[in-house]
Amino acid sequence: SQDLLAKKCGISMSFLGHIERGTRIMSLETFVN
């Protein structure tokens, strides 16, 4: 689920949703995670 991946990466599920839709740009650290 988005929730599981978000928790594994230390980000919010909302932010992961934005990343998956391409509406927000993540940091390099988040991308590595």
Full PDB file with SEQRES, HELIX, SHEET, SSBOND, CRYST1, ORIGX, SCALE, CONECT and MASTER records, all heavy atoms in Angstrom:
SEQRES   1 A   33  SER GLN ASP LEU LEU ALA LYS LYS CYS GLY ILE SER MET          
SEQRES   2 A   33  SER PHE LEU GLY HIS ILE GLU ARG GLY THR ARG ILE MET          
SEQRES   3 A   33  SER LEU GLU THR PHE VAL ASN                                  
HELIX    1 AA1 GLN A    2  CYS A    9  1                                   8    
HELIX    2 AA2 MET A   13  ARG A   21  1                                   9    
HELIX    3 AA3 LEU A   28  VAL A   32  1                                   5    
CRYST1    1.000    1.000    1.000  90.00  90.00  90.00 P 1           1          
ORIGX1      1.000000  0.000000  0.000000        0.00000                         
ORIGX2      0.000000  1.000000  0.000000        0.00000                         
ORIGX3      0.000000  0.000000  1.000000        0.00000                         
SCALE1      1.000000  0.000000  0.000000        0.00000                         
SCALE2      0.000000  1.000000  0.000000        0.00000                         
SCALE3      0.000000  0.000000  1.000000        0.00000                         
ATOM      1  N   SER A   1       0.855  -1.185   0.000  1.00  0.00           N  
ATOM      2  CA  SER A   1       0.000   0.000   0.000  1.00  0.00           C  
ATOM      3  C   SER A   1       0.894   1.239   0.000  1.00  0.00           C  
ATOM      4  O   SER A   1       2.089   1.166   0.318  1.00  0.00           O  
ATOM      5  CB  SER A   1      -0.884   0.016   1.242  1.00  0.00           C  
ATOM      6  OG  SER A   1      -0.080   0.173   2.410  1.00  0.00           O  
ATOM      7  N   GLN A   2       0.294   2.379  -0.324  1.00  0.00           N  
ATOM      8  CA  GLN A   2       1.039   3.635  -0.229  1.00  0.00           C  
ATOM      9  C   GLN A   2       1.484   3.869   1.207  1.00  0.00           C  
ATOM     10  O   GLN A   2       2.591   4.335   1.454  1.00  0.00           O  
ATOM     11  CB  GLN A   2       0.179   4.811  -0.693  1.00  0.00           C  
ATOM     12  CG  GLN A   2       0.124   5.000  -2.166  1.00  0.00           C  
ATOM     13  CD  GLN A   2      -0.606   6.278  -2.544  1.00  0.00           C  
ATOM     14  OE1 GLN A   2      -1.507   6.733  -1.839  1.00  0.00           O  
ATOM     15  NE2 GLN A   2      -0.235   6.850  -3.668  1.00  0.00           N  
ATOM     16  N   ASP A   3       0.611   3.531   2.148  1.00  0.00           N  
ATOM     17  CA  ASP A   3       0.917   3.742   3.554  1.00  0.00           C  
ATOM     18  C   ASP A   3       2.163   2.956   3.968  1.00  0.00           C  
ATOM     19  O   ASP A   3       3.036   3.487   4.649  1.00  0.00           O  
ATOM     20  CB  ASP A   3      -0.276   3.361   4.418  1.00  0.00           C  
ATOM     21  CG  ASP A   3      -0.089   3.724   5.874  1.00  0.00           C  
ATOM     22  OD1 ASP A   3       0.303   4.884   6.153  1.00  0.00           O  
ATOM     23  OD2 ASP A   3      -0.330   2.860   6.736  1.00  0.00           O  
ATOM     24  N   LEU A   4       2.258   1.704   3.529  1.00  0.00           N  
ATOM     25  CA  LEU A   4       3.402   0.877   3.900  1.00  0.00           C  
ATOM     26  C   LEU A   4       4.697   1.452   3.333  1.00  0.00           C  
ATOM     27  O   LEU A   4       5.694   1.595   4.056  1.00  0.00           O  
ATOM     28  CB  LEU A   4       3.207  -0.567   3.416  1.00  0.00           C  
ATOM     29  CG  LEU A   4       4.370  -1.524   3.702  1.00  0.00           C  
ATOM     30  CD1 LEU A   4       4.614  -1.658   5.203  1.00  0.00           C  
ATOM     31  CD2 LEU A   4       4.101  -2.874   3.077  1.00  0.00           C  
ATOM     32  N   LEU A   5       4.699   1.808   2.044  1.00  0.00           N  
ATOM     33  CA  LEU A   5       5.914   2.371   1.449  1.00  0.00           C  
ATOM     34  C   LEU A   5       6.271   3.699   2.111  1.00  0.00           C  
ATOM     35  O   LEU A   5       7.442   3.950   2.409  1.00  0.00           O  
ATOM     36  CB  LEU A   5       5.766   2.553  -0.061  1.00  0.00           C  
ATOM     37  CG  LEU A   5       6.972   3.171  -0.777  1.00  0.00           C  
ATOM     38  CD1 LEU A   5       8.243   2.353  -0.541  1.00  0.00           C  
ATOM     39  CD2 LEU A   5       6.702   3.323  -2.268  1.00  0.00           C  
ATOM     40  N   ALA A   6       5.275   4.529   2.363  1.00  0.00           N  
ATOM     41  CA  ALA A   6       5.541   5.821   3.003  1.00  0.00           C  
ATOM     42  C   ALA A   6       6.207   5.619   4.365  1.00  0.00           C  
ATOM     43  O   ALA A   6       7.187   6.312   4.693  1.00  0.00           O  
ATOM     44  CB  ALA A   6       4.237   6.603   3.151  1.00  0.00           C  
ATOM     45  N   LYS A   7       5.695   4.668   5.152  1.00  0.00           N  
ATOM     46  CA  LYS A   7       6.285   4.399   6.464  1.00  0.00           C  
ATOM     47  C   LYS A   7       7.718   3.899   6.328  1.00  0.00           C  
ATOM     48  O   LYS A   7       8.595   4.307   7.099  1.00  0.00           O  
ATOM     49  CB  LYS A   7       5.444   3.387   7.234  1.00  0.00           C  
ATOM     50  CG  LYS A   7       4.168   3.985   7.783  1.00  0.00           C  
ATOM     51  CD  LYS A   7       3.314   2.975   8.512  1.00  0.00           C  
ATOM     52  CE  LYS A   7       2.046   3.639   9.022  1.00  0.00           C  
ATOM     53  NZ  LYS A   7       1.090   2.695   9.568  1.00  0.00           N  
ATOM     54  N   LYS A   8       7.968   3.034   5.352  1.00  0.00           N  
ATOM     55  CA  LYS A   8       9.327   2.511   5.155  1.00  0.00           C  
ATOM     56  C   LYS A   8      10.300   3.631   4.767  1.00  0.00           C  
ATOM     57  O   LYS A   8      11.491   3.538   5.038  1.00  0.00           O  
ATOM     58  CB  LYS A   8       9.339   1.427   4.073  1.00  0.00           C  
ATOM     59  CG  LYS A   8       8.717   0.115   4.505  1.00  0.00           C  
ATOM     60  CD  LYS A   8       8.754  -0.890   3.358  1.00  0.00           C  
ATOM     61  CE  LYS A   8       8.238  -2.236   3.760  1.00  0.00           C  
ATOM     62  NZ  LYS A   8       9.201  -3.038   4.499  1.00  0.00           N  
ATOM     63  N   CYS A   9       9.775   4.673   4.119  1.00  0.00           N  
ATOM     64  CA  CYS A   9      10.619   5.768   3.643  1.00  0.00           C  
ATOM     65  C   CYS A   9      10.653   6.968   4.582  1.00  0.00           C  
ATOM     66  O   CYS A   9      11.397   7.918   4.347  1.00  0.00           O  
ATOM     67  CB  CYS A   9      10.142   6.230   2.268  1.00  0.00           C  
ATOM     68  SG  CYS A   9      10.279   4.955   1.017  1.00  0.00           S  
ATOM     69  N   GLY A  10       9.816   6.942   5.625  1.00  0.00           N  
ATOM     70  CA  GLY A  10       9.792   8.055   6.578  1.00  0.00           C  
ATOM     71  C   GLY A  10       9.133   9.306   6.036  1.00  0.00           C  
ATOM     72  O   GLY A  10       9.523  10.420   6.400  1.00  0.00           O  
ATOM     73  N   ILE A  11       8.135   9.129   5.141  1.00  0.00           N  
ATOM     74  CA  ILE A  11       7.398  10.268   4.604  1.00  0.00           C  
ATOM     75  C   ILE A  11       5.901  10.018   4.819  1.00  0.00           C  
ATOM     76  O   ILE A  11       5.495   8.910   5.153  1.00  0.00           O  
ATOM     77  CB  ILE A  11       7.694  10.495   3.103  1.00  0.00           C  
ATOM     78  CG1 ILE A  11       7.321   9.259   2.275  1.00  0.00           C  
ATOM     79  CG2 ILE A  11       9.154  10.879   2.894  1.00  0.00           C  
ATOM     80  CD1 ILE A  11       7.476   9.437   0.767  1.00  0.00           C  
ATOM     81  N   SER A  12       5.103  11.049   4.597  1.00  0.00           N  
ATOM     82  CA  SER A  12       3.658  10.878   4.760  1.00  0.00           C  
ATOM     83  C   SER A  12       3.067  10.191   3.535  1.00  0.00           C  
ATOM     84  O   SER A  12       3.619  10.272   2.430  1.00  0.00           O  
ATOM     85  CB  SER A  12       2.981  12.234   4.969  1.00  0.00           C  
ATOM     86  OG  SER A  12       2.984  12.973   3.754  1.00  0.00           O  
ATOM     87  N   MET A  13       1.937   9.542   3.746  1.00  0.00           N  
ATOM     88  CA  MET A  13       1.247   8.885   2.644  1.00  0.00           C  
ATOM     89  C   MET A  13       0.788   9.936   1.622  1.00  0.00           C  
ATOM     90  O   MET A  13       0.824   9.694   0.417  1.00  0.00           O  
ATOM     91  CB  MET A  13       0.055   8.090   3.167  1.00  0.00           C  
ATOM     92  CG  MET A  13      -0.574   7.214   2.106  1.00  0.00           C  
ATOM     93  SD  MET A  13      -1.848   6.113   2.736  1.00  0.00           S  
ATOM     94  CE  MET A  13      -3.155   7.261   3.056  1.00  0.00           C  
ATOM     95  N   SER A  14       0.410  11.097   2.090  1.00  0.00           N  
ATOM     96  CA  SER A  14      -0.018  12.177   1.208  1.00  0.00           C  
ATOM     97  C   SER A  14       1.127  12.600   0.285  1.00  0.00           C  
ATOM     98  O   SER A  14       0.935  12.780  -0.926  1.00  0.00           O  
ATOM     99  CB  SER A  14      -0.491  13.369   2.035  1.00  0.00           C  
ATOM    100  OG  SER A  14      -0.750  14.480   1.212  1.00  0.00           O  
ATOM    101  N   PHE A  15       2.320  12.759   0.853  1.00  0.00           N  
ATOM    102  CA  PHE A  15       3.484  13.155   0.051  1.00  0.00           C  
ATOM    103  C   PHE A  15       3.817  12.072  -0.970  1.00  0.00           C  
ATOM    104  O   PHE A  15       4.098  12.375  -2.135  1.00  0.00           O  
ATOM    105  CB  PHE A  15       4.684  13.463   0.952  1.00  0.00           C  
ATOM    106  CG  PHE A  15       5.888  13.978   0.210  1.00  0.00           C  
ATOM    107  CD1 PHE A  15       5.773  14.983  -0.738  1.00  0.00           C  
ATOM    108  CD2 PHE A  15       7.144  13.465   0.473  1.00  0.00           C  
ATOM    109  CE1 PHE A  15       6.888  15.470  -1.426  1.00  0.00           C  
ATOM    110  CE2 PHE A  15       8.264  13.934  -0.202  1.00  0.00           C  
ATOM    111  CZ  PHE A  15       8.134  14.941  -1.153  1.00  0.00           C  
ATOM    112  N   LEU A  16       3.746  10.790  -0.564  1.00  0.00           N  
ATOM    113  CA  LEU A  16       4.010   9.701  -1.509  1.00  0.00           C  
ATOM    114  C   LEU A  16       2.991   9.742  -2.643  1.00  0.00           C  
ATOM    115  O   LEU A  16       3.350   9.535  -3.811  1.00  0.00           O  
ATOM    116  CB  LEU A  16       3.981   8.344  -0.809  1.00  0.00           C  
ATOM    117  CG  LEU A  16       4.215   7.141  -1.743  1.00  0.00           C  
ATOM    118  CD1 LEU A  16       5.572   7.221  -2.433  1.00  0.00           C  
ATOM    119  CD2 LEU A  16       4.082   5.838  -0.974  1.00  0.00           C  
ATOM    120  N   GLY A  17       1.739  10.025  -2.334  1.00  0.00           N  
ATOM    121  CA  GLY A  17       0.721  10.157  -3.374  1.00  0.00           C  
ATOM    122  C   GLY A  17       1.086  11.236  -4.381  1.00  0.00           C  
ATOM    123  O   GLY A  17       0.946  11.052  -5.595  1.00  0.00           O  
ATOM    124  N   HIS A  18       1.578  12.378  -3.888  1.00  0.00           N  
ATOM    125  CA  HIS A  18       2.020  13.458  -4.778  1.00  0.00           C  
ATOM    126  C   HIS A  18       3.209  13.010  -5.627  1.00  0.00           C  
ATOM    127  O   HIS A  18       3.277  13.335  -6.820  1.00  0.00           O  
ATOM    128  CB  HIS A  18       2.395  14.703  -3.964  1.00  0.00           C  
ATOM    129  CG  HIS A  18       1.224  15.508  -3.528  1.00  0.00           C  
ATOM    130  ND1 HIS A  18       0.490  16.293  -4.380  1.00  0.00           N  
ATOM    131  CD2 HIS A  18       0.653  15.627  -2.305  1.00  0.00           C  
ATOM    132  CE1 HIS A  18      -0.479  16.885  -3.708  1.00  0.00           C  
ATOM    133  NE2 HIS A  18      -0.404  16.496  -2.436  1.00  0.00           N  
ATOM    134  N   ILE A  19       4.142  12.287  -5.026  1.00  0.00           N  
ATOM    135  CA  ILE A  19       5.309  11.794  -5.765  1.00  0.00           C  
ATOM    136  C   ILE A  19       4.842  10.866  -6.888  1.00  0.00           C  
ATOM    137  O   ILE A  19       5.281  10.988  -8.037  1.00  0.00           O  
ATOM    138  CB  ILE A  19       6.299  11.068  -4.827  1.00  0.00           C  
ATOM    139  CG1 ILE A  19       6.968  12.066  -3.877  1.00  0.00           C  
ATOM    140  CG2 ILE A  19       7.347  10.293  -5.626  1.00  0.00           C  
ATOM    141  CD1 ILE A  19       7.756  11.429  -2.742  1.00  0.00           C  
ATOM    142  N   GLU A  20       3.934   9.951  -6.571  1.00  0.00           N  
ATOM    143  CA  GLU A  20       3.459   8.989  -7.567  1.00  0.00           C  
ATOM    144  C   GLU A  20       2.675   9.665  -8.689  1.00  0.00           C  
ATOM    145  O   GLU A  20       2.666   9.173  -9.818  1.00  0.00           O  
ATOM    146  CB  GLU A  20       2.629   7.888  -6.899  1.00  0.00           C  
ATOM    147  CG  GLU A  20       3.461   6.937  -6.075  1.00  0.00           C  
ATOM    148  CD  GLU A  20       2.668   5.763  -5.532  1.00  0.00           C  
ATOM    149  OE1 GLU A  20       1.418   5.756  -5.627  1.00  0.00           O  
ATOM    150  OE2 GLU A  20       3.302   4.839  -4.991  1.00  0.00           O  
ATOM    151  N   ARG A  21       2.027  10.789  -8.400  1.00  0.00           N  
ATOM    152  CA  ARG A  21       1.300  11.533  -9.435  1.00  0.00           C  
ATOM    153  C   ARG A  21       2.209  12.522 -10.167  1.00  0.00           C  
ATOM    154  O   ARG A  21       1.811  13.108 -11.170  1.00  0.00           O  
ATOM    155  CB  ARG A  21       0.116  12.280  -8.823  1.00  0.00           C  
ATOM    156  CG  ARG A  21      -1.018  11.370  -8.403  1.00  0.00           C  
ATOM    157  CD  ARG A  21      -2.243  12.150  -7.956  1.00  0.00           C  
ATOM    158  NE  ARG A  21      -2.015  13.057  -6.845  1.00  0.00           N  
ATOM    159  CZ  ARG A  21      -1.981  12.696  -5.559  1.00  0.00           C  
ATOM    160  NH1 ARG A  21      -2.159  11.426  -5.219  1.00  0.00           N  
ATOM    161  NH2 ARG A  21      -1.781  13.589  -4.612  1.00  0.00           N  
ATOM    162  N   GLY A  22       3.413  12.733  -9.630  1.00  0.00           N  
ATOM    163  CA  GLY A  22       4.353  13.664 -10.253  1.00  0.00           C  
ATOM    164  C   GLY A  22       4.039  15.116  -9.984  1.00  0.00           C  
ATOM    165  O   GLY A  22       4.507  16.006 -10.690  1.00  0.00           O  
ATOM    166  N   THR A  23       3.264  15.383  -8.928  1.00  0.00           N  
ATOM    167  CA  THR A  23       2.870  16.764  -8.616  1.00  0.00           C  
ATOM    168  C   THR A  23       3.780  17.431  -7.592  1.00  0.00           C  
ATOM    169  O   THR A  23       3.660  18.634  -7.360  1.00  0.00           O  
ATOM    170  CB  THR A  23       1.415  16.822  -8.117  1.00  0.00           C  
ATOM    171  OG1 THR A  23       1.264  15.967  -6.985  1.00  0.00           O  
ATOM    172  CG2 THR A  23       0.446  16.392  -9.214  1.00  0.00           C  
ATOM    173  N   ARG A  24       4.673  16.647  -6.972  1.00  0.00           N  
ATOM    174  CA  ARG A  24       5.658  17.210  -6.035  1.00  0.00           C  
ATOM    175  C   ARG A  24       7.009  16.591  -6.334  1.00  0.00           C  
ATOM    176  O   ARG A  24       7.097  15.439  -6.748  1.00  0.00           O  
ATOM    177  CB  ARG A  24       5.283  16.910  -4.570  1.00  0.00           C  
ATOM    178  CG  ARG A  24       3.954  17.458  -4.125  1.00  0.00           C  
ATOM    179  CD  ARG A  24       3.940  18.621  -3.166  1.00  0.00           C  
ATOM    180  NE  ARG A  24       4.939  18.759  -2.169  1.00  0.00           N  
ATOM    181  CZ  ARG A  24       4.783  18.500  -0.867  1.00  0.00           C  
ATOM    182  NH1 ARG A  24       3.653  18.015  -0.413  1.00  0.00           N  
ATOM    183  NH2 ARG A  24       5.755  18.739  -0.034  1.00  0.00           N  
ATOM    184  N   ILE A  25       8.046  17.350  -6.095  1.00  0.00           N  
ATOM    185  CA  ILE A  25       9.414  16.880  -6.324  1.00  0.00           C  
ATOM    186  C   ILE A  25      10.023  16.509  -4.981  1.00  0.00           C  
ATOM    187  O   ILE A  25       9.988  17.298  -4.041  1.00  0.00           O  
ATOM    188  CB  ILE A  25      10.253  17.962  -7.027  1.00  0.00           C  
ATOM    189  CG1 ILE A  25       9.649  18.275  -8.401  1.00  0.00           C  
ATOM    190  CG2 ILE A  25      11.699  17.512  -7.164  1.00  0.00           C  
ATOM    191  CD1 ILE A  25      10.295  19.447  -9.088  1.00  0.00           C  
ATOM    192  N   MET A  26      10.575  15.306  -4.923  1.00  0.00           N  
ATOM    193  CA  MET A  26      11.157  14.819  -3.672  1.00  0.00           C  
ATOM    194  C   MET A  26      12.634  15.191  -3.580  1.00  0.00           C  
ATOM    195  O   MET A  26      13.278  15.469  -4.599  1.00  0.00           O  
ATOM    196  CB  MET A  26      10.990  13.307  -3.576  1.00  0.00           C  
ATOM    197  CG  MET A  26      11.813  12.537  -4.595  1.00  0.00           C  
ATOM    198  SD  MET A  26      11.377  10.811  -4.656  1.00  0.00           S  
ATOM    199  CE  MET A  26      10.723  10.734  -6.318  1.00  0.00           C  
ATOM    200  N   SER A  27      13.151  15.161  -2.364  1.00  0.00           N  
ATOM    201  CA  SER A  27      14.583  15.388  -2.158  1.00  0.00           C  
ATOM    202  C   SER A  27      15.358  14.153  -2.596  1.00  0.00           C  
ATOM    203  O   SER A  27      14.793  13.055  -2.753  1.00  0.00           O  
ATOM    204  CB  SER A  27      14.860  15.663  -0.671  1.00  0.00           C  
ATOM    205  OG  SER A  27      14.647  14.470   0.082  1.00  0.00           O  
ATOM    206  N   LEU A  28      16.643  14.313  -2.778  1.00  0.00           N  
ATOM    207  CA  LEU A  28      17.506  13.190  -3.128  1.00  0.00           C  
ATOM    208  C   LEU A  28      17.462  12.135  -2.023  1.00  0.00           C  
ATOM    209  O   LEU A  28      17.413  10.929  -2.303  1.00  0.00           O  
ATOM    210  CB  LEU A  28      18.940  13.665  -3.357  1.00  0.00           C  
ATOM    211  CG  LEU A  28      19.955  12.603  -3.754  1.00  0.00           C  
ATOM    212  CD1 LEU A  28      19.515  11.894  -5.037  1.00  0.00           C  
ATOM    213  CD2 LEU A  28      21.320  13.225  -3.938  1.00  0.00           C  
ATOM    214  N   GLU A  29      17.433  12.580  -0.771  1.00  0.00           N  
ATOM    215  CA  GLU A  29      17.374  11.648   0.355  1.00  0.00           C  
ATOM    216  C   GLU A  29      16.104  10.792   0.295  1.00  0.00           C  
ATOM    217  O   GLU A  29      16.151   9.579   0.492  1.00  0.00           O  
ATOM    218  CB  GLU A  29      17.425  12.409   1.680  1.00  0.00           C  
ATOM    219  CG  GLU A  29      17.376  11.500   2.895  1.00  0.00           C  
ATOM    220  CD  GLU A  29      17.415  12.272   4.207  1.00  0.00           C  
ATOM    221  OE1 GLU A  29      17.500  13.509   4.197  1.00  0.00           O  
ATOM    222  OE2 GLU A  29      17.353  11.607   5.259  1.00  0.00           O  
ATOM    223  N   THR A  30      14.976  11.415  -0.008  1.00  0.00           N  
ATOM    224  CA  THR A  30      13.721  10.664  -0.124  1.00  0.00           C  
ATOM    225  C   THR A  30      13.790   9.695  -1.287  1.00  0.00           C  
ATOM    226  O   THR A  30      13.354   8.540  -1.175  1.00  0.00           O  
ATOM    227  CB  THR A  30      12.525  11.632  -0.289  1.00  0.00           C  
ATOM    228  OG1 THR A  30      12.438  12.449   0.879  1.00  0.00           O  
ATOM    229  CG2 THR A  30      11.224  10.877  -0.488  1.00  0.00           C  
ATOM    230  N   PHE A  31      14.361  10.129  -2.416  1.00  0.00           N  
ATOM    231  CA  PHE A  31      14.489   9.246  -3.576  1.00  0.00           C  
ATOM    232  C   PHE A  31      15.347   8.024  -3.237  1.00  0.00           C  
ATOM    233  O   PHE A  31      14.994   6.895  -3.567  1.00  0.00           O  
ATOM    234  CB  PHE A  31      15.080   9.999  -4.769  1.00  0.00           C  
ATOM    235  CG  PHE A  31      15.241   9.143  -5.984  1.00  0.00           C  
ATOM    236  CD1 PHE A  31      14.135   8.659  -6.663  1.00  0.00           C  
ATOM    237  CD2 PHE A  31      16.504   8.811  -6.446  1.00  0.00           C  
ATOM    238  CE1 PHE A  31      14.272   7.853  -7.784  1.00  0.00           C  
ATOM    239  CE2 PHE A  31      16.650   8.011  -7.562  1.00  0.00           C  
ATOM    240  CZ  PHE A  31      15.533   7.535  -8.237  1.00  0.00           C  
ATOM    241  N   VAL A  32      16.440   8.253  -2.541  1.00  0.00           N  
ATOM    242  CA  VAL A  32      17.312   7.147  -2.122  1.00  0.00           C  
ATOM    243  C   VAL A  32      16.549   6.193  -1.207  1.00  0.00           C  
ATOM    244  O   VAL A  32      16.655   4.965  -1.340  1.00  0.00           O  
ATOM    245  CB  VAL A  32      18.595   7.687  -1.437  1.00  0.00           C  
ATOM    246  CG1 VAL A  32      19.374   6.573  -0.755  1.00  0.00           C  
ATOM    247  CG2 VAL A  32      19.473   8.400  -2.454  1.00  0.00           C  
ATOM    248  N   ASN A  33      15.766   6.739  -0.292  1.00  0.00           N  
ATOM    249  CA  ASN A  33      14.970   5.907   0.618  1.00  0.00           C  
ATOM    250  C   ASN A  33      13.940   5.074  -0.148  1.00  0.00           C  
ATOM    251  O   ASN A  33      13.714   3.903   0.169  1.00  0.00           O  
ATOM    252  CB  ASN A  33      14.273   6.761   1.677  1.00  0.00           C  
ATOM    253  CG  ASN A  33      15.246   7.326   2.691  1.00  0.00           C  
ATOM    254  OD1 ASN A  33      16.358   6.827   2.852  1.00  0.00           O  
ATOM    255  ND2 ASN A  33      14.847   8.388   3.361  1.00  0.00           N  
TER     256      ASN A  33                                                      
MASTER        0    0    0    3    0    0    0    6  255    1    0    3          
END                                                                             
